Amino acid sequence: MSNKLIKSKDLEAKIRKRIRIRKLLSVILVIVSILFVLLWTKVAITSVKFKNQMEQMVLGKDYFIEDVTIKKKDTYTSASGKYSLSRNYFFYYDTDKKMQVSAQIYGEHEVGDSIPAYTTDHIYYDYEKDGILPREEFRNNELAKGMGGFCGCVIIMLGLYIFLDKRCM
């Protein structure tokens, strides 16, 4: 066999392999796009449900506002980027229970002060009314937002790869 025939067969095999990879990536792109739409639809529906739930709650029936004594103050600092820090402020109202507050509220109150807090069960309290939403559902909705963001990044990367791979052929 001549050298040209071997090179031609190798080139054809490489082209077929690239076409198969592009088709596979296109299928994955479609699947991830569908997942992206479904996730963000679920997030939107859940967010509207939470908003309606908050608007329909009645003080004294569905939730209560009680004074909570601050037993301890604490801050948590985490790196959210290369040069920026994220600082979270907490008031402990029991030995292991805490509520997150803004920096302004954190600075205005000291240990031993009483602050008004929202509750539905007289066990867990939160300074913001949104904090009394069902914890598990709220957490799952936030996780779904993260997954939706991740799917969006995958869609962009796959789309760029497929687009740039076509231009390089």
N, C-alpha and C. Protein backbone atom coordinates (compact mmCIF):
# COMPACT_ATOMS: atom_id res chain seq x y z
N MET A 1 0.83 -1.18 0.00
CA MET A 1 0.00 0.00 0.00
C MET A 1 0.87 1.24 0.00
N SER A 2 0.38 2.20 -0.68
CA SER A 2 1.18 3.42 -0.74
C SER A 2 0.94 4.25 0.52
N ASN A 3 1.84 5.15 0.75
CA ASN A 3 1.79 6.05 1.91
C ASN A 3 0.59 6.98 1.83
N LYS A 4 0.21 7.38 0.61
CA LYS A 4 -0.92 8.29 0.44
C LYS A 4 -2.24 7.61 0.83
N LEU A 5 -2.38 6.31 0.51
CA LEU A 5 -3.61 5.60 0.87
C LEU A 5 -3.75 5.47 2.39
N ILE A 6 -2.66 5.20 3.07
CA ILE A 6 -2.69 5.07 4.53
C ILE A 6 -3.06 6.41 5.16
N LYS A 7 -2.45 7.51 4.69
CA LYS A 7 -2.77 8.83 5.22
C LYS A 7 -4.23 9.19 4.94
N SER A 8 -4.74 8.82 3.77
CA SER A 8 -6.12 9.11 3.41
C SER A 8 -7.09 8.36 4.33
N LYS A 9 -6.80 7.07 4.61
CA LYS A 9 -7.65 6.29 5.50
C LYS A 9 -7.59 6.85 6.93
N ASP A 10 -6.42 7.25 7.39
CA ASP A 10 -6.29 7.83 8.73
C ASP A 10 -7.08 9.13 8.82
N LEU A 11 -7.01 9.95 7.78
CA LEU A 11 -7.73 11.20 7.76
C LEU A 11 -9.24 10.97 7.77
N GLU A 12 -9.71 9.99 6.99
CA GLU A 12 -11.13 9.67 6.97
C GLU A 12 -11.59 9.15 8.34
N ALA A 13 -10.77 8.34 8.98
CA ALA A 13 -11.12 7.81 10.31
C ALA A 13 -11.20 8.95 11.33
N LYS A 14 -10.28 9.89 11.25
CA LYS A 14 -10.30 11.04 12.17
C LYS A 14 -11.54 11.90 11.94
N ILE A 15 -11.89 12.11 10.69
CA ILE A 15 -13.07 12.92 10.37
C ILE A 15 -14.33 12.22 10.87
N ARG A 16 -14.44 10.89 10.65
CA ARG A 16 -15.61 10.15 11.14
C ARG A 16 -15.69 10.21 12.67
N LYS A 17 -14.56 10.10 13.32
CA LYS A 17 -14.53 10.16 14.79
C LYS A 17 -14.98 11.54 15.27
N ARG A 18 -14.51 12.61 14.63
CA ARG A 18 -14.91 13.97 15.02
C ARG A 18 -16.40 14.19 14.79
N ILE A 19 -16.94 13.63 13.70
CA ILE A 19 -18.38 13.76 13.42
C ILE A 19 -19.18 13.03 14.49
N ARG A 20 -18.74 11.81 14.88
CA ARG A 20 -19.44 11.07 15.94
C ARG A 20 -19.39 11.84 17.27
N ILE A 21 -18.26 12.42 17.60
CA ILE A 21 -18.12 13.20 18.84
C ILE A 21 -19.03 14.42 18.79
N ARG A 22 -19.07 15.10 17.64
CA ARG A 22 -19.93 16.27 17.51
C ARG A 22 -21.39 15.91 17.66
N LYS A 23 -21.81 14.77 17.08
CA LYS A 23 -23.20 14.32 17.22
C LYS A 23 -23.52 14.00 18.67
N LEU A 24 -22.61 13.31 19.34
CA LEU A 24 -22.80 12.98 20.76
C LEU A 24 -22.91 14.25 21.60
N LEU A 25 -22.04 15.20 21.36
CA LEU A 25 -22.09 16.46 22.10
C LEU A 25 -23.36 17.25 21.80
N SER A 26 -23.85 17.15 20.57
CA SER A 26 -25.11 17.82 20.22
C SER A 26 -26.28 17.21 20.97
N VAL A 27 -26.29 15.90 21.11
CA VAL A 27 -27.34 15.22 21.87
C VAL A 27 -27.25 15.63 23.34
N ILE A 28 -26.06 15.64 23.89
CA ILE A 28 -25.87 16.07 25.28
C ILE A 28 -26.32 17.52 25.45
N LEU A 29 -26.02 18.36 24.48
CA LEU A 29 -26.44 19.76 24.54
C LEU A 29 -27.97 19.88 24.58
N VAL A 30 -28.65 19.10 23.79
CA VAL A 30 -30.11 19.13 23.78
C VAL A 30 -30.66 18.65 25.14
N ILE A 31 -30.10 17.57 25.67
CA ILE A 31 -30.55 17.05 26.96
C ILE A 31 -30.33 18.06 28.08
N VAL A 32 -29.15 18.65 28.12
CA VAL A 32 -28.85 19.64 29.17
C VAL A 32 -29.72 20.89 28.99
N SER A 33 -30.02 21.27 27.76
CA SER A 33 -30.90 22.42 27.52
C SER A 33 -32.31 22.16 28.04
N ILE A 34 -32.80 20.95 27.82
CA ILE A 34 -34.12 20.58 28.34
C ILE A 34 -34.11 20.59 29.86
N LEU A 35 -33.07 20.03 30.45
CA LEU A 35 -32.93 20.03 31.90
C LEU A 35 -32.87 21.46 32.44
N PHE A 36 -32.15 22.33 31.75
CA PHE A 36 -32.04 23.74 32.13
C PHE A 36 -33.42 24.40 32.17
N VAL A 37 -34.20 24.20 31.13
CA VAL A 37 -35.55 24.79 31.07
C VAL A 37 -36.43 24.23 32.17
N LEU A 38 -36.37 22.92 32.39
CA LEU A 38 -37.20 22.30 33.43
C LEU A 38 -36.82 22.80 34.82
N LEU A 39 -35.52 22.90 35.10
CA LEU A 39 -35.06 23.38 36.40
C LEU A 39 -35.53 24.81 36.66
N TRP A 40 -35.33 25.69 35.69
CA TRP A 40 -35.70 27.08 35.92
C TRP A 40 -37.21 27.27 35.94
N THR A 41 -37.95 26.40 35.26
CA THR A 41 -39.41 26.45 35.36
C THR A 41 -39.84 26.06 36.77
N LYS A 42 -39.23 25.01 37.31
CA LYS A 42 -39.53 24.58 38.68
C LYS A 42 -39.17 25.68 39.68
N VAL A 43 -38.02 26.32 39.49
CA VAL A 43 -37.60 27.41 40.38
C VAL A 43 -38.60 28.55 40.32
N ALA A 44 -39.04 28.93 39.13
CA ALA A 44 -39.99 30.03 38.99
C ALA A 44 -41.32 29.69 39.65
N ILE A 45 -41.81 28.48 39.44
CA ILE A 45 -43.09 28.07 40.05
C ILE A 45 -42.98 28.06 41.56
N THR A 46 -41.89 27.53 42.09
CA THR A 46 -41.70 27.48 43.54
C THR A 46 -41.56 28.89 44.12
N SER A 47 -40.87 29.77 43.43
CA SER A 47 -40.71 31.15 43.91
C SER A 47 -42.06 31.87 43.96
N VAL A 48 -42.88 31.67 42.94
CA VAL A 48 -44.22 32.28 42.93
C VAL A 48 -45.06 31.69 44.07
N LYS A 49 -44.92 30.40 44.29
CA LYS A 49 -45.66 29.75 45.38
C LYS A 49 -45.24 30.34 46.74
N PHE A 50 -43.94 30.53 46.94
CA PHE A 50 -43.45 31.12 48.19
C PHE A 50 -43.98 32.54 48.36
N LYS A 51 -43.96 33.31 47.27
CA LYS A 51 -44.44 34.69 47.34
C LYS A 51 -45.92 34.73 47.72
N ASN A 52 -46.72 33.89 47.08
CA ASN A 52 -48.15 33.81 47.40
C ASN A 52 -48.37 33.35 48.83
N GLN A 53 -47.56 32.39 49.27
CA GLN A 53 -47.67 31.89 50.64
C GLN A 53 -47.37 33.01 51.64
N MET A 54 -46.34 33.82 51.36
CA MET A 54 -45.98 34.90 52.27
C MET A 54 -47.07 35.97 52.31
N GLU A 55 -47.70 36.24 51.17
CA GLU A 55 -48.75 37.25 51.12
C GLU A 55 -50.02 36.80 51.84
N GLN A 56 -50.27 35.50 51.85
CA GLN A 56 -51.51 34.99 52.44
C GLN A 56 -51.38 34.65 53.93
N MET A 57 -50.16 34.67 54.46
CA MET A 57 -49.97 34.34 55.87
C MET A 57 -50.57 35.43 56.75
N VAL A 58 -51.20 35.01 57.83
CA VAL A 58 -51.87 35.93 58.74
C VAL A 58 -51.12 35.93 60.07
N LEU A 59 -50.77 37.12 60.55
CA LEU A 59 -50.08 37.26 61.83
C LEU A 59 -50.99 36.76 62.95
N GLY A 60 -50.43 35.92 63.80
CA GLY A 60 -51.19 35.37 64.91
C GLY A 60 -51.85 34.04 64.59
N LYS A 61 -51.94 33.72 63.31
CA LYS A 61 -52.53 32.44 62.90
C LYS A 61 -51.49 31.56 62.23
N ASP A 62 -50.83 32.09 61.19
CA ASP A 62 -49.84 31.32 60.44
C ASP A 62 -48.41 31.56 60.93
N TYR A 63 -48.16 32.74 61.47
CA TYR A 63 -46.84 33.06 62.00
C TYR A 63 -46.99 34.02 63.17
N PHE A 64 -45.93 34.11 63.93
CA PHE A 64 -45.93 34.96 65.11
C PHE A 64 -44.67 35.80 65.14
N ILE A 65 -44.73 36.92 65.85
CA ILE A 65 -43.56 37.75 66.09
C ILE A 65 -43.34 37.73 67.59
N GLU A 66 -42.17 37.24 67.98
CA GLU A 66 -41.84 37.13 69.40
C GLU A 66 -40.49 37.77 69.66
N ASP A 67 -40.30 38.24 70.89
CA ASP A 67 -39.01 38.77 71.29
C ASP A 67 -38.08 37.61 71.63
N VAL A 68 -36.88 37.64 71.07
CA VAL A 68 -35.89 36.61 71.30
C VAL A 68 -34.68 37.27 71.94
N THR A 69 -34.13 36.65 72.98
CA THR A 69 -32.95 37.18 73.67
C THR A 69 -31.69 36.67 72.98
N ILE A 70 -30.79 37.58 72.67
CA ILE A 70 -29.53 37.23 72.02
C ILE A 70 -28.60 36.63 73.07
N LYS A 71 -28.21 35.36 72.87
CA LYS A 71 -27.31 34.69 73.82
C LYS A 71 -25.85 34.84 73.40
N LYS A 72 -25.63 35.00 72.08
CA LYS A 72 -24.26 35.07 71.56
C LYS A 72 -24.31 35.71 70.18
N LYS A 73 -23.25 36.42 69.83
CA LYS A 73 -23.10 37.00 68.49
C LYS A 73 -21.90 36.34 67.82
N ASP A 74 -22.01 36.17 66.52
CA ASP A 74 -20.90 35.55 65.81
C ASP A 74 -20.90 36.01 64.36
N THR A 75 -19.73 36.02 63.76
CA THR A 75 -19.61 36.32 62.34
C THR A 75 -18.88 35.17 61.66
N TYR A 76 -19.15 35.01 60.40
CA TYR A 76 -18.47 34.00 59.61
C TYR A 76 -18.00 34.67 58.33
N THR A 77 -16.72 34.57 58.08
CA THR A 77 -16.13 35.19 56.89
C THR A 77 -15.65 34.09 55.96
N SER A 78 -16.03 34.21 54.70
CA SER A 78 -15.57 33.24 53.71
C SER A 78 -15.09 33.99 52.48
N ALA A 79 -14.15 33.39 51.80
CA ALA A 79 -13.64 33.99 50.57
C ALA A 79 -14.62 33.68 49.45
N SER A 80 -15.17 34.74 48.83
CA SER A 80 -16.11 34.53 47.73
C SER A 80 -15.46 34.81 46.39
N GLY A 81 -14.25 35.17 46.39
CA GLY A 81 -13.52 35.44 45.16
C GLY A 81 -12.06 35.57 45.50
N LYS A 82 -11.28 35.93 44.53
CA LYS A 82 -9.85 36.03 44.77
C LYS A 82 -9.52 37.18 45.73
N TYR A 83 -10.23 38.29 45.62
CA TYR A 83 -9.91 39.45 46.43
C TYR A 83 -11.04 39.91 47.34
N SER A 84 -12.20 39.29 47.26
CA SER A 84 -13.32 39.75 48.07
C SER A 84 -13.68 38.73 49.14
N LEU A 85 -14.21 39.22 50.24
CA LEU A 85 -14.64 38.36 51.33
C LEU A 85 -16.13 38.55 51.55
N SER A 86 -16.78 37.48 51.93
CA SER A 86 -18.19 37.53 52.27
C SER A 86 -18.30 37.35 53.78
N ARG A 87 -19.01 38.24 54.43
CA ARG A 87 -19.15 38.16 55.87
C ARG A 87 -20.63 37.98 56.21
N ASN A 88 -20.91 36.97 57.02
CA ASN A 88 -22.26 36.67 57.48
C ASN A 88 -22.32 36.93 58.97
N TYR A 89 -23.45 37.49 59.43
CA TYR A 89 -23.63 37.84 60.83
C TYR A 89 -24.75 37.01 61.43
N PHE A 90 -24.51 36.49 62.65
CA PHE A 90 -25.48 35.61 63.29
C PHE A 90 -25.72 36.02 64.73
N PHE A 91 -26.96 35.84 65.17
CA PHE A 91 -27.35 35.94 66.57
C PHE A 91 -27.76 34.54 67.01
N TYR A 92 -27.19 34.07 68.11
CA TYR A 92 -27.61 32.81 68.69
C TYR A 92 -28.68 33.10 69.73
N TYR A 93 -29.80 32.41 69.64
CA TYR A 93 -30.87 32.59 70.61
C TYR A 93 -31.06 31.33 71.45
N ASP A 94 -30.33 30.29 71.15
CA ASP A 94 -30.30 29.06 71.91
C ASP A 94 -28.88 28.53 71.79
N THR A 95 -28.56 27.43 72.43
CA THR A 95 -27.18 26.95 72.39
C THR A 95 -26.75 26.56 70.98
N ASP A 96 -27.66 26.03 70.18
CA ASP A 96 -27.29 25.60 68.83
C ASP A 96 -28.12 26.24 67.73
N LYS A 97 -29.03 27.12 68.07
CA LYS A 97 -29.89 27.73 67.07
C LYS A 97 -29.47 29.17 66.84
N LYS A 98 -29.41 29.53 65.57
CA LYS A 98 -28.97 30.88 65.22
C LYS A 98 -29.84 31.43 64.11
N MET A 99 -29.81 32.74 63.99
CA MET A 99 -30.49 33.40 62.88
C MET A 99 -29.52 34.38 62.24
N GLN A 100 -29.57 34.44 60.94
CA GLN A 100 -28.70 35.35 60.20
C GLN A 100 -29.35 36.72 60.14
N VAL A 101 -28.53 37.76 60.37
CA VAL A 101 -29.01 39.14 60.34
C VAL A 101 -28.09 39.97 59.46
N SER A 102 -28.53 41.18 59.16
CA SER A 102 -27.70 42.08 58.35
C SER A 102 -26.61 42.69 59.23
N ALA A 103 -25.62 43.29 58.60
CA ALA A 103 -24.53 43.93 59.34
C ALA A 103 -25.05 45.08 60.19
N GLN A 104 -26.01 45.82 59.70
CA GLN A 104 -26.57 46.95 60.44
C GLN A 104 -27.26 46.47 61.72
N ILE A 105 -28.08 45.46 61.63
CA ILE A 105 -28.77 44.92 62.80
C ILE A 105 -27.76 44.32 63.77
N TYR A 106 -26.75 43.66 63.24
CA TYR A 106 -25.70 43.06 64.07
C TYR A 106 -25.01 44.13 64.91
N GLY A 107 -24.74 45.27 64.30
CA GLY A 107 -24.05 46.35 65.01
C GLY A 107 -24.94 47.07 66.02
N GLU A 108 -26.24 47.07 65.80
CA GLU A 108 -27.15 47.79 66.69
C GLU A 108 -27.47 47.04 67.98
N HIS A 109 -27.29 45.72 68.01
CA HIS A 109 -27.70 44.93 69.17
C HIS A 109 -26.50 44.27 69.84
N GLU A 110 -26.62 44.06 71.13
CA GLU A 110 -25.58 43.41 71.92
C GLU A 110 -26.14 42.14 72.55
N VAL A 111 -25.24 41.31 73.10
CA VAL A 111 -25.65 40.10 73.80
C VAL A 111 -26.52 40.51 74.99
N GLY A 112 -27.64 39.83 75.15
CA GLY A 112 -28.58 40.14 76.22
C GLY A 112 -29.76 40.96 75.76
N ASP A 113 -29.64 41.63 74.61
CA ASP A 113 -30.76 42.41 74.06
C ASP A 113 -31.84 41.45 73.54
N SER A 114 -33.06 41.95 73.51
CA SER A 114 -34.16 41.21 72.90
C SER A 114 -34.50 41.86 71.57
N ILE A 115 -34.73 41.00 70.56
CA ILE A 115 -35.11 41.51 69.25
C ILE A 115 -36.37 40.79 68.79
N PRO A 116 -37.21 41.45 68.01
CA PRO A 116 -38.39 40.77 67.47
C PRO A 116 -37.97 39.83 66.34
N ALA A 117 -38.54 38.63 66.34
CA ALA A 117 -38.21 37.65 65.31
C ALA A 117 -39.48 36.92 64.89
N TYR A 118 -39.49 36.47 63.65
CA TYR A 118 -40.63 35.72 63.10
C TYR A 118 -40.48 34.24 63.42
N THR A 119 -41.60 33.56 63.66
CA THR A 119 -41.60 32.13 63.90
C THR A 119 -42.94 31.54 63.48
N THR A 120 -42.91 30.25 63.17
CA THR A 120 -44.15 29.53 62.90
C THR A 120 -44.37 28.44 63.94
N ASP A 121 -43.29 27.99 64.58
CA ASP A 121 -43.38 26.86 65.49
C ASP A 121 -42.85 27.15 66.90
N HIS A 122 -42.47 28.36 67.18
CA HIS A 122 -41.92 28.79 68.49
C HIS A 122 -40.62 28.06 68.84
N ILE A 123 -39.98 27.47 67.84
CA ILE A 123 -38.69 26.80 68.05
C ILE A 123 -37.62 27.49 67.20
N TYR A 124 -37.92 27.67 65.92
CA TYR A 124 -36.98 28.31 65.01
C TYR A 124 -37.46 29.73 64.73
N TYR A 125 -36.52 30.66 64.81
CA TYR A 125 -36.82 32.07 64.61
C TYR A 125 -35.95 32.63 63.51
N ASP A 126 -36.46 33.68 62.87
CA ASP A 126 -35.67 34.37 61.87
C ASP A 126 -36.02 35.85 61.90
N TYR A 127 -35.02 36.66 61.63
CA TYR A 127 -35.22 38.11 61.67
C TYR A 127 -36.05 38.60 60.48
N GLU A 128 -35.92 37.91 59.35
CA GLU A 128 -36.66 38.26 58.14
C GLU A 128 -37.88 37.35 58.02
N LYS A 129 -38.95 37.87 57.47
CA LYS A 129 -40.16 37.07 57.30
C LYS A 129 -39.94 35.91 56.33
N ASP A 130 -39.08 36.11 55.33
CA ASP A 130 -38.79 35.04 54.37
C ASP A 130 -38.15 33.82 55.04
N GLY A 131 -37.54 34.03 56.19
CA GLY A 131 -36.85 32.95 56.88
C GLY A 131 -37.78 31.91 57.49
N ILE A 132 -39.06 32.18 57.53
CA ILE A 132 -40.00 31.21 58.11
C ILE A 132 -40.64 30.32 57.05
N LEU A 133 -40.19 30.44 55.82
CA LEU A 133 -40.66 29.55 54.76
C LEU A 133 -40.22 28.12 55.08
N PRO A 134 -40.89 27.12 54.54
CA PRO A 134 -40.50 25.72 54.81
C PRO A 134 -39.03 25.51 54.45
N ARG A 135 -38.24 25.13 55.43
CA ARG A 135 -36.78 25.06 55.27
C ARG A 135 -36.36 24.09 54.17
N GLU A 136 -36.94 22.91 54.15
CA GLU A 136 -36.53 21.91 53.17
C GLU A 136 -36.87 22.34 51.75
N GLU A 137 -38.07 22.85 51.53
CA GLU A 137 -38.46 23.32 50.21
C GLU A 137 -37.61 24.50 49.76
N PHE A 138 -37.36 25.43 50.69
CA PHE A 138 -36.56 26.61 50.36
C PHE A 138 -35.13 26.20 49.98
N ARG A 139 -34.56 25.27 50.76
CA ARG A 139 -33.20 24.81 50.48
C ARG A 139 -33.15 24.09 49.14
N ASN A 140 -34.15 23.25 48.86
CA ASN A 140 -34.19 22.55 47.58
C ASN A 140 -34.34 23.52 46.41
N ASN A 141 -35.09 24.60 46.60
CA ASN A 141 -35.24 25.61 45.55
C ASN A 141 -33.91 26.32 45.30
N GLU A 142 -33.17 26.60 46.37
CA GLU A 142 -31.86 27.23 46.20
C GLU A 142 -30.88 26.28 45.51
N LEU A 143 -30.94 25.00 45.84
CA LEU A 143 -30.09 24.02 45.15
C LEU A 143 -30.45 23.91 43.68
N ALA A 144 -31.74 23.98 43.39
CA ALA A 144 -32.18 23.94 41.99
C ALA A 144 -31.66 25.15 41.21
N LYS A 145 -31.60 26.31 41.87
CA LYS A 145 -31.02 27.49 41.22
C LYS A 145 -29.55 27.26 40.90
N GLY A 146 -28.84 26.64 41.82
CA GLY A 146 -27.42 26.32 41.57
C GLY A 146 -27.25 25.34 40.43
N MET A 147 -28.09 24.32 40.39
CA MET A 147 -28.03 23.36 39.30
C MET A 147 -28.39 24.02 37.96
N GLY A 148 -29.36 24.93 37.99
CA GLY A 148 -29.72 25.66 36.77
C GLY A 148 -28.56 26.50 36.25
N GLY A 149 -27.85 27.13 37.18
CA GLY A 149 -26.66 27.90 36.79
C GLY A 149 -25.58 27.01 36.21
N PHE A 150 -25.36 25.85 36.83
CA PHE A 150 -24.37 24.90 36.33
C PHE A 150 -24.75 24.41 34.93
N CYS A 151 -26.03 24.07 34.74
CA CYS A 151 -26.49 23.63 33.41
C CYS A 151 -26.28 24.73 32.37
N GLY A 152 -26.51 25.97 32.75
CA GLY A 152 -26.28 27.09 31.84
C GLY A 152 -24.83 27.18 31.42
N CYS A 153 -23.91 26.98 32.36
CA CYS A 153 -22.48 26.99 32.03
C CYS A 153 -22.12 25.84 31.09
N VAL A 154 -22.69 24.66 31.35
CA VAL A 154 -22.42 23.50 30.48
C VAL A 154 -22.96 23.77 29.08
N ILE A 155 -24.13 24.37 28.97
CA ILE A 155 -24.71 24.70 27.67
C ILE A 155 -23.79 25.64 26.90
N ILE A 156 -23.31 26.66 27.57
CA ILE A 156 -22.42 27.62 26.90
C ILE A 156 -21.13 26.94 26.45
N MET A 157 -20.54 26.12 27.32
CA MET A 157 -19.28 25.45 26.94
C MET A 157 -19.48 24.49 25.78
N LEU A 158 -20.55 23.69 25.83
CA LEU A 158 -20.81 22.75 24.73
C LEU A 158 -21.11 23.50 23.43
N GLY A 159 -21.91 24.56 23.53
CA GLY A 159 -22.23 25.34 22.34
C GLY A 159 -20.99 25.95 21.72
N LEU A 160 -20.13 26.51 22.55
CA LEU A 160 -18.88 27.09 22.03
C LEU A 160 -17.99 26.02 21.39
N TYR A 161 -17.89 24.86 22.06
CA TYR A 161 -17.05 23.80 21.51
C TYR A 161 -17.58 23.34 20.16
N ILE A 162 -18.88 23.10 20.07
CA ILE A 162 -19.47 22.64 18.81
C ILE A 162 -19.31 23.70 17.72
N PHE A 163 -19.56 24.96 18.07
CA PHE A 163 -19.43 26.05 17.10
C PHE A 163 -17.99 26.21 16.63
N LEU A 164 -17.05 26.23 17.57
CA LEU A 164 -15.65 26.42 17.20
C LEU A 164 -15.08 25.19 16.49
N ASP A 165 -15.56 23.99 16.84
CA ASP A 165 -15.09 22.78 16.18
C ASP A 165 -15.52 22.77 14.72
N LYS A 166 -16.71 23.25 14.42
CA LYS A 166 -17.18 23.33 13.03
C LYS A 166 -16.32 24.30 12.23
N ARG A 167 -15.95 25.40 12.86
CA ARG A 167 -15.16 26.42 12.14
C ARG A 167 -13.75 25.94 11.88
N CYS A 168 -13.24 25.01 12.72
CA CYS A 168 -11.86 24.55 12.55
C CYS A 168 -11.74 23.45 11.49
N MET A 169 -12.87 22.86 11.11
CA MET A 169 -12.79 21.77 10.13
C MET A 169 -12.59 22.28 8.73
